[in-house]
């Protein structure tokens, strides 16, 4: 709005830089949340694999598809 009232501030660089800065802040915040979530999930998986051995007395709590080791052809 300040650019509409002050006609001498018709520079296009300032709004562009402000928009780029705020877009960077939003993307950085979103990716930081995603990173923390992925780290927490991997840590929970590692703790579950360490504490539970997969037997009937101490079953693993993770999905059974995650426990399957990949074969040579990737399936």
PDB file of N, CA and C in Angstrom:
ATOM      1  N   UNK A   1       0.819  -1.194   0.000  1.00  0.00           N
ATOM      2  CA  UNK A   1       0.000   0.000   0.000  1.00  0.00           C
ATOM      3  C   UNK A   1       0.863   1.258   0.000  1.00  0.00           C
ATOM      4  N   UNK A   2       2.037   1.167   0.619  1.00  0.00           N
ATOM      5  CA  UNK A   2       2.898   2.346   0.663  1.00  0.00           C
ATOM      6  C   UNK A   2       3.344   2.747  -0.740  1.00  0.00           C
ATOM      7  N   UNK A   3       3.485   1.777  -1.631  1.00  0.00           N
ATOM      8  CA  UNK A   3       3.928   2.082  -2.981  1.00  0.00           C
ATOM      9  C   UNK A   3       2.824   2.767  -3.790  1.00  0.00           C
ATOM     10  N   UNK A   4       1.561   2.545  -3.435  1.00  0.00           N
ATOM     11  CA  UNK A   4       0.457   3.201  -4.140  1.00  0.00           C
ATOM     12  C   UNK A   4       0.350   4.683  -3.777  1.00  0.00           C
ATOM     13  N   UNK A   5       0.672   5.031  -2.538  1.00  0.00           N
ATOM     14  CA  UNK A   5       0.539   6.412  -2.091  1.00  0.00           C
ATOM     15  C   UNK A   5       1.768   7.257  -2.405  1.00  0.00           C
ATOM     16  N   UNK A   6       2.898   6.644  -2.532  1.00  0.00           N
ATOM     17  CA  UNK A   6       4.130   7.381  -2.836  1.00  0.00           C
ATOM     18  C   UNK A   6       4.581   6.996  -4.246  1.00  0.00           C
ATOM     19  N   UNK A   7       4.247   7.832  -5.178  1.00  0.00           N
ATOM     20  CA  UNK A   7       4.541   7.529  -6.577  1.00  0.00           C
ATOM     21  C   UNK A   7       6.039   7.530  -6.871  1.00  0.00           C
ATOM     22  N   UNK A   8       6.833   8.161  -6.043  1.00  0.00           N
ATOM     23  CA  UNK A   8       8.282   8.156  -6.282  1.00  0.00           C
ATOM     24  C   UNK A   8       8.910   6.809  -5.916  1.00  0.00           C
ATOM     25  N   UNK A   9       8.164   5.927  -5.247  1.00  0.00           N
ATOM     26  CA  UNK A   9       8.691   4.609  -4.884  1.00  0.00           C
ATOM     27  C   UNK A   9       8.232   3.545  -5.882  1.00  0.00           C
ATOM     28  N   UNK A  10       8.407   3.791  -7.127  1.00  0.00           N
ATOM     29  CA  UNK A  10       7.951   2.872  -8.157  1.00  0.00           C
ATOM     30  C   UNK A  10       9.001   1.808  -8.494  1.00  0.00           C
ATOM     31  N   UNK A  11       9.956   1.596  -7.620  1.00  0.00           N
ATOM     32  CA  UNK A  11      10.990   0.594  -7.889  1.00  0.00           C
ATOM     33  C   UNK A  11      10.385  -0.802  -7.770  1.00  0.00           C
ATOM     34  N   UNK A  12      10.691  -1.657  -8.678  1.00  0.00           N
ATOM     35  CA  UNK A  12      10.158  -3.018  -8.657  1.00  0.00           C
ATOM     36  C   UNK A  12      11.072  -3.968  -7.882  1.00  0.00           C
ATOM     37  N   UNK A  13      12.270  -3.511  -7.557  1.00  0.00           N
ATOM     38  CA  UNK A  13      13.230  -4.375  -6.871  1.00  0.00           C
ATOM     39  C   UNK A  13      12.836  -4.589  -5.411  1.00  0.00           C
ATOM     40  N   UNK A  14      12.368  -3.560  -4.750  1.00  0.00           N
ATOM     41  CA  UNK A  14      12.047  -3.667  -3.326  1.00  0.00           C
ATOM     42  C   UNK A  14      10.913  -4.663  -3.068  1.00  0.00           C
ATOM     43  N   UNK A  15       9.784  -4.585  -3.773  1.00  0.00           N
ATOM     44  CA  UNK A  15       8.744  -5.592  -3.544  1.00  0.00           C
ATOM     45  C   UNK A  15       9.196  -7.010  -3.909  1.00  0.00           C
ATOM     46  N   UNK A  16      10.005  -7.101  -4.934  1.00  0.00           N
ATOM     47  CA  UNK A  16      10.506  -8.413  -5.333  1.00  0.00           C
ATOM     48  C   UNK A  16      11.394  -9.013  -4.248  1.00  0.00           C
ATOM     49  N   UNK A  17      12.287  -8.209  -3.683  1.00  0.00           N
ATOM     50  CA  UNK A  17      13.163  -8.700  -2.623  1.00  0.00           C
ATOM     51  C   UNK A  17      12.392  -9.037  -1.355  1.00  0.00           C
ATOM     52  N   UNK A  18      11.403  -8.235  -1.005  1.00  0.00           N
ATOM     53  CA  UNK A  18      10.576  -8.540   0.159  1.00  0.00           C
ATOM     54  C   UNK A  18       9.800  -9.838  -0.028  1.00  0.00           C
ATOM     55  N   UNK A  19       9.235 -10.034  -1.199  1.00  0.00           N
ATOM     56  CA  UNK A  19       8.502 -11.254  -1.485  1.00  0.00           C
ATOM     57  C   UNK A  19       9.428 -12.464  -1.456  1.00  0.00           C
ATOM     58  N   UNK A  20      10.605 -12.334  -2.022  1.00  0.00           N
ATOM     59  CA  UNK A  20      11.560 -13.442  -2.021  1.00  0.00           C
ATOM     60  C   UNK A  20      12.013 -13.769  -0.599  1.00  0.00           C
ATOM     61  N   UNK A  21      12.222 -12.739   0.223  1.00  0.00           N
ATOM     62  CA  UNK A  21      12.650 -12.972   1.604  1.00  0.00           C
ATOM     63  C   UNK A  21      11.570 -13.699   2.404  1.00  0.00           C
ATOM     64  N   UNK A  22      10.325 -13.259   2.292  1.00  0.00           N
ATOM     65  CA  UNK A  22       9.246 -13.917   3.024  1.00  0.00           C
ATOM     66  C   UNK A  22       8.966 -15.321   2.488  1.00  0.00           C
ATOM     67  N   UNK A  23       9.121 -15.533   1.201  1.00  0.00           N
ATOM     68  CA  UNK A  23       8.964 -16.877   0.640  1.00  0.00           C
ATOM     69  C   UNK A  23      10.053 -17.801   1.155  1.00  0.00           C
ATOM     70  N   UNK A  24      11.276 -17.285   1.272  1.00  0.00           N
ATOM     71  CA  UNK A  24      12.365 -18.080   1.831  1.00  0.00           C
ATOM     72  C   UNK A  24      12.084 -18.447   3.280  1.00  0.00           C
ATOM     73  N   UNK A  25      11.603 -17.506   4.070  1.00  0.00           N
ATOM     74  CA  UNK A  25      11.282 -17.785   5.472  1.00  0.00           C
ATOM     75  C   UNK A  25      10.199 -18.856   5.594  1.00  0.00           C
ATOM     76  N   UNK A  26       9.173 -18.777   4.778  1.00  0.00           N
ATOM     77  CA  UNK A  26       8.093 -19.766   4.830  1.00  0.00           C
ATOM     78  C   UNK A  26       8.588 -21.147   4.414  1.00  0.00           C
ATOM     79  N   UNK A  27       9.365 -21.220   3.353  1.00  0.00           N
ATOM     80  CA  UNK A  27       9.890 -22.509   2.896  1.00  0.00           C
ATOM     81  C   UNK A  27      10.850 -23.104   3.918  1.00  0.00           C
ATOM     82  N   UNK A  28      11.682 -22.277   4.499  1.00  0.00           N
ATOM     83  CA  UNK A  28      12.625 -22.748   5.506  1.00  0.00           C
ATOM     84  C   UNK A  28      11.881 -23.295   6.725  1.00  0.00           C
ATOM     85  N   UNK A  29      10.830 -22.625   7.142  1.00  0.00           N
ATOM     86  CA  UNK A  29      10.034 -23.089   8.281  1.00  0.00           C
ATOM     87  C   UNK A  29       9.357 -24.422   7.966  1.00  0.00           C
ATOM     88  N   UNK A  30       8.767 -24.527   6.798  1.00  0.00           N
ATOM     89  CA  UNK A  30       8.085 -25.761   6.412  1.00  0.00           C
ATOM     90  C   UNK A  30       9.066 -26.927   6.325  1.00  0.00           C
ATOM     91  N   UNK A  31      10.203 -26.725   5.729  1.00  0.00           N
ATOM     92  CA  UNK A  31      11.181 -27.798   5.600  1.00  0.00           C
ATOM     93  C   UNK A  31      11.809 -28.161   6.946  1.00  0.00           C
ATOM     94  N   UNK A  32      11.906 -27.210   7.853  1.00  0.00           N
ATOM     95  CA  UNK A  32      12.417 -27.512   9.192  1.00  0.00           C
ATOM     96  C   UNK A  32      11.446 -28.425   9.936  1.00  0.00           C
ATOM     97  N   UNK A  33      10.163 -28.162   9.823  1.00  0.00           N
ATOM     98  CA  UNK A  33       9.162 -29.029  10.453  1.00  0.00           C
ATOM     99  C   UNK A  33       9.207 -30.419   9.838  1.00  0.00           C
ATOM    100  N   UNK A  34       9.325 -30.503   8.516  1.00  0.00           N
ATOM    101  CA  UNK A  34       9.411 -31.794   7.841  1.00  0.00           C
ATOM    102  C   UNK A  34      10.654 -32.558   8.293  1.00  0.00           C
ATOM    103  N   UNK A  35      11.768 -31.873   8.441  1.00  0.00           N
ATOM    104  CA  UNK A  35      13.020 -32.513   8.856  1.00  0.00           C
ATOM    105  C   UNK A  35      12.911 -33.082  10.268  1.00  0.00           C
ATOM    106  N   UNK A  36      12.329 -32.314  11.179  1.00  0.00           N
ATOM    107  CA  UNK A  36      12.176 -32.782  12.562  1.00  0.00           C
ATOM    108  C   UNK A  36      11.239 -33.989  12.613  1.00  0.00           C
ATOM    109  N   UNK A  37      10.172 -33.960  11.823  1.00  0.00           N
ATOM    110  CA  UNK A  37       9.235 -35.083  11.790  1.00  0.00           C
ATOM    111  C   UNK A  37       9.899 -36.334  11.249  1.00  0.00           C
ATOM    112  N   UNK A  38      10.659 -36.217  10.179  1.00  0.00           N
ATOM    113  CA  UNK A  38      11.344 -37.378   9.612  1.00  0.00           C
ATOM    114  C   UNK A  38      12.388 -37.926  10.586  1.00  0.00           C
ATOM    115  N   UNK A  39      13.119 -37.054  11.259  1.00  0.00           N
ATOM    116  CA  UNK A  39      14.099 -37.502  12.243  1.00  0.00           C
ATOM    117  C   UNK A  39      13.429 -38.240  13.400  1.00  0.00           C
ATOM    118  N   UNK A  40      12.295 -37.741  13.860  1.00  0.00           N
ATOM    119  CA  UNK A  40      11.583 -38.387  14.968  1.00  0.00           C
ATOM    120  C   UNK A  40      11.079 -39.765  14.556  1.00  0.00           C
ATOM    121  N   UNK A  41      10.562 -39.881  13.332  1.00  0.00           N
ATOM    122  CA  UNK A  41      10.083 -41.179  12.864  1.00  0.00           C
ATOM    123  C   UNK A  41      11.225 -42.187  12.738  1.00  0.00           C
ATOM    124  N   UNK A  42      12.348 -41.760  12.217  1.00  0.00           N
ATOM    125  CA  UNK A  42      13.483 -42.666  12.091  1.00  0.00           C
ATOM    126  C   UNK A  42      14.037 -43.066  13.454  1.00  0.00           C
ATOM    127  N   UNK A  43      14.039 -42.145  14.387  1.00  0.00           N
ATOM    128  CA  UNK A  43      14.497 -42.456  15.737  1.00  0.00           C
ATOM    129  C   UNK A  43      13.554 -43.446  16.414  1.00  0.00           C
ATOM    130  N   UNK A  44      12.252 -43.268  16.248  1.00  0.00           N
ATOM    131  CA  UNK A  44      11.286 -44.226  16.808  1.00  0.00           C
ATOM    132  C   UNK A  44      11.474 -45.605  16.192  1.00  0.00           C
ATOM    133  N   UNK A  45      11.726 -45.675  14.897  1.00  0.00           N
ATOM    134  CA  UNK A  45      11.967 -46.957  14.235  1.00  0.00           C
ATOM    135  C   UNK A  45      13.220 -47.628  14.797  1.00  0.00           C
ATOM    136  N   UNK A  46      14.277 -46.853  14.974  1.00  0.00           N
ATOM    137  CA  UNK A  46      15.525 -47.416  15.486  1.00  0.00           C
ATOM    138  C   UNK A  46      15.371 -47.910  16.921  1.00  0.00           C
ATOM    139  N   UNK A  47      14.662 -47.165  17.749  1.00  0.00           N
ATOM    140  CA  UNK A  47      14.457 -47.585  19.142  1.00  0.00           C
ATOM    141  C   UNK A  47      13.592 -48.838  19.188  1.00  0.00           C
ATOM    142  N   UNK A  48      12.574 -48.906  18.350  1.00  0.00           N
ATOM    143  CA  UNK A  48      11.725 -50.094  18.317  1.00  0.00           C
ATOM    144  C   UNK A  48      12.514 -51.319  17.879  1.00  0.00           C
ATOM    145  N   UNK A  49      13.374 -51.158  16.890  1.00  0.00           N
ATOM    146  CA  UNK A  49      14.175 -52.303  16.429  1.00  0.00           C
ATOM    147  C   UNK A  49      15.188 -52.726  17.491  1.00  0.00           C
ATOM    148  N   UNK A  50      15.662 -51.797  18.290  1.00  0.00           N
ATOM    149  CA  UNK A  50      16.642 -52.116  19.322  1.00  0.00           C
ATOM    150  C   UNK A  50      15.990 -52.792  20.530  1.00  0.00           C
ATOM    151  N   UNK A  51      14.817 -52.321  20.919  1.00  0.00           N
ATOM    152  CA  UNK A  51      14.184 -52.823  22.137  1.00  0.00           C
ATOM    153  C   UNK A  51      13.340 -54.077  21.919  1.00  0.00           C
ATOM    154  N   UNK A  52      12.780 -54.228  20.741  1.00  0.00           N
ATOM    155  CA  UNK A  52      11.914 -55.369  20.450  1.00  0.00           C
ATOM    156  C   UNK A  52      12.589 -56.260  19.430  1.00  0.00           C
ATOM    157  N   UNK A  53      12.564 -57.538  19.707  1.00  0.00           N
ATOM    158  CA  UNK A  53      13.289 -58.474  18.836  1.00  0.00           C
ATOM    159  C   UNK A  53      12.411 -59.147  17.797  1.00  0.00           C
ATOM    160  N   UNK A  54      11.106 -58.930  17.846  1.00  0.00           N
ATOM    161  CA  UNK A  54      10.222 -59.521  16.848  1.00  0.00           C
ATOM    162  C   UNK A  54       9.657 -60.859  17.257  1.00  0.00           C
ATOM    163  N   UNK A  55       9.940 -61.336  18.468  1.00  0.00           N
ATOM    164  CA  UNK A  55       9.400 -62.607  18.937  1.00  0.00           C
ATOM    165  C   UNK A  55       7.961 -62.408  19.423  1.00  0.00           C
ATOM    166  N   UNK A  56       7.316 -63.505  19.838  1.00  0.00           N
ATOM    167  CA  UNK A  56       5.936 -63.420  20.320  1.00  0.00           C
ATOM    168  C   UNK A  56       5.865 -62.637  21.633  1.00  0.00           C
ATOM    169  N   UNK A  57       6.908 -62.730  22.448  1.00  0.00           N
ATOM    170  CA  UNK A  57       6.900 -62.006  23.724  1.00  0.00           C
ATOM    171  C   UNK A  57       7.170 -60.514  23.531  1.00  0.00           C
ATOM    172  N   UNK A  58       8.059 -60.182  22.613  1.00  0.00           N
ATOM    173  CA  UNK A  58       8.424 -58.784  22.349  1.00  0.00           C
ATOM    174  C   UNK A  58       8.296 -58.491  20.850  1.00  0.00           C
ATOM    175  N   UNK A  59       7.064 -58.350  20.367  1.00  0.00           N
ATOM    176  CA  UNK A  59       6.910 -58.098  18.922  1.00  0.00           C
ATOM    177  C   UNK A  59       7.317 -56.671  18.558  1.00  0.00           C
ATOM    178  N   UNK A  60       7.780 -56.514  17.337  1.00  0.00           N
ATOM    179  CA  UNK A  60       8.100 -55.182  16.829  1.00  0.00           C
ATOM    180  C   UNK A  60       6.801 -54.436  16.549  1.00  0.00           C
ATOM    181  N   UNK A  61       6.775 -53.174  16.848  1.00  0.00           N
ATOM    182  CA  UNK A  61       5.565 -52.373  16.677  1.00  0.00           C
ATOM    183  C   UNK A  61       5.486 -51.703  15.315  1.00  0.00           C
ATOM    184  N   UNK A  62       6.534 -51.786  14.523  1.00  0.00           N
ATOM    185  CA  UNK A  62       6.530 -51.147  13.205  1.00  0.00           C
ATOM    186  C   UNK A  62       5.748 -52.002  12.223  1.00  0.00           C
ATOM    187  N   UNK A  63       5.401 -51.406  11.097  1.00  0.00           N
ATOM    188  CA  UNK A  63       4.695 -52.120  10.053  1.00  0.00           C
ATOM    189  C   UNK A  63       5.571 -53.256   9.524  1.00  0.00           C
ATOM    190  N   UNK A  64       4.977 -54.372   9.223  1.00  0.00           N
ATOM    191  CA  UNK A  64       5.730 -55.549   8.789  1.00  0.00           C
ATOM    192  C   UNK A  64       6.425 -55.326   7.446  1.00  0.00           C
ATOM    193  N   UNK A  65       5.910 -54.427   6.626  1.00  0.00           N
ATOM    194  CA  UNK A  65       6.561 -54.133   5.341  1.00  0.00           C
ATOM    195  C   UNK A  65       7.908 -53.455   5.536  1.00  0.00           C
ATOM    196  N   UNK A  66       8.077 -52.742   6.632  1.00  0.00           N
ATOM    197  CA  UNK A  66       9.358 -52.098   6.901  1.00  0.00           C
ATOM    198  C   UNK A  66      10.409 -53.098   7.366  1.00  0.00           C
ATOM    199  N   UNK A  67       9.959 -54.237   7.877  1.00  0.00           N
ATOM    200  CA  UNK A  67      10.893 -55.238   8.375  1.00  0.00           C
ATOM    201  C   UNK A  67      11.423 -56.157   7.285  1.00  0.00           C
ATOM    202  N   UNK A  68      10.774 -56.174   6.121  1.00  0.00           N
ATOM    203  CA  UNK A  68      11.189 -57.039   5.016  1.00  0.00           C
ATOM    204  C   UNK A  68      12.457 -56.471   4.399  1.00  0.00           C
ATOM    205  N   UNK A  69      13.469 -57.301   4.283  1.00  0.00           N
ATOM    206  CA  UNK A  69      14.723 -56.862   3.669  1.00  0.00           C
ATOM    207  C   UNK A  69      14.563 -56.850   2.155  1.00  0.00           C
ATOM    208  N   UNK A  70      15.092 -55.838   1.483  1.00  0.00           N
ATOM    209  CA  UNK A  70      14.968 -55.782   0.017  1.00  0.00           C
ATOM    210  C   UNK A  70      15.820 -56.872  -0.633  1.00  0.00           C
ATOM    211  N   UNK A  71      15.320 -57.380  -1.745  1.00  0.00           N
ATOM    212  CA  UNK A  71      16.058 -58.386  -2.498  1.00  0.00           C
ATOM    213  C   UNK A  71      16.994 -57.705  -3.488  1.00  0.00           C
ATOM    214  N   UNK A  72      17.692 -58.496  -4.258  1.00  0.00           N
ATOM    215  CA  UNK A  72      18.665 -57.946  -5.205  1.00  0.00           C
ATOM    216  C   UNK A  72      18.007 -57.142  -6.322  1.00  0.00           C
ATOM    217  N   UNK A  73      16.786 -57.525  -6.738  1.00  0.00           N
ATOM    218  CA  UNK A  73      16.140 -56.800  -7.841  1.00  0.00           C
ATOM    219  C   UNK A  73      15.334 -55.603  -7.357  1.00  0.00           C
ATOM    220  N   UNK A  74      15.367 -55.287  -6.061  1.00  0.00           N
ATOM    221  CA  UNK A  74      14.718 -54.089  -5.548  1.00  0.00           C
ATOM    222  C   UNK A  74      13.280 -54.270  -5.135  1.00  0.00           C
ATOM    223  N   UNK A  75      12.752 -55.488  -5.170  1.00  0.00           N
ATOM    224  CA  UNK A  75      11.349 -55.712  -4.772  1.00  0.00           C
ATOM    225  C   UNK A  75      11.264 -56.309  -3.410  1.00  0.00           C
TER     226      UNK A  75
END
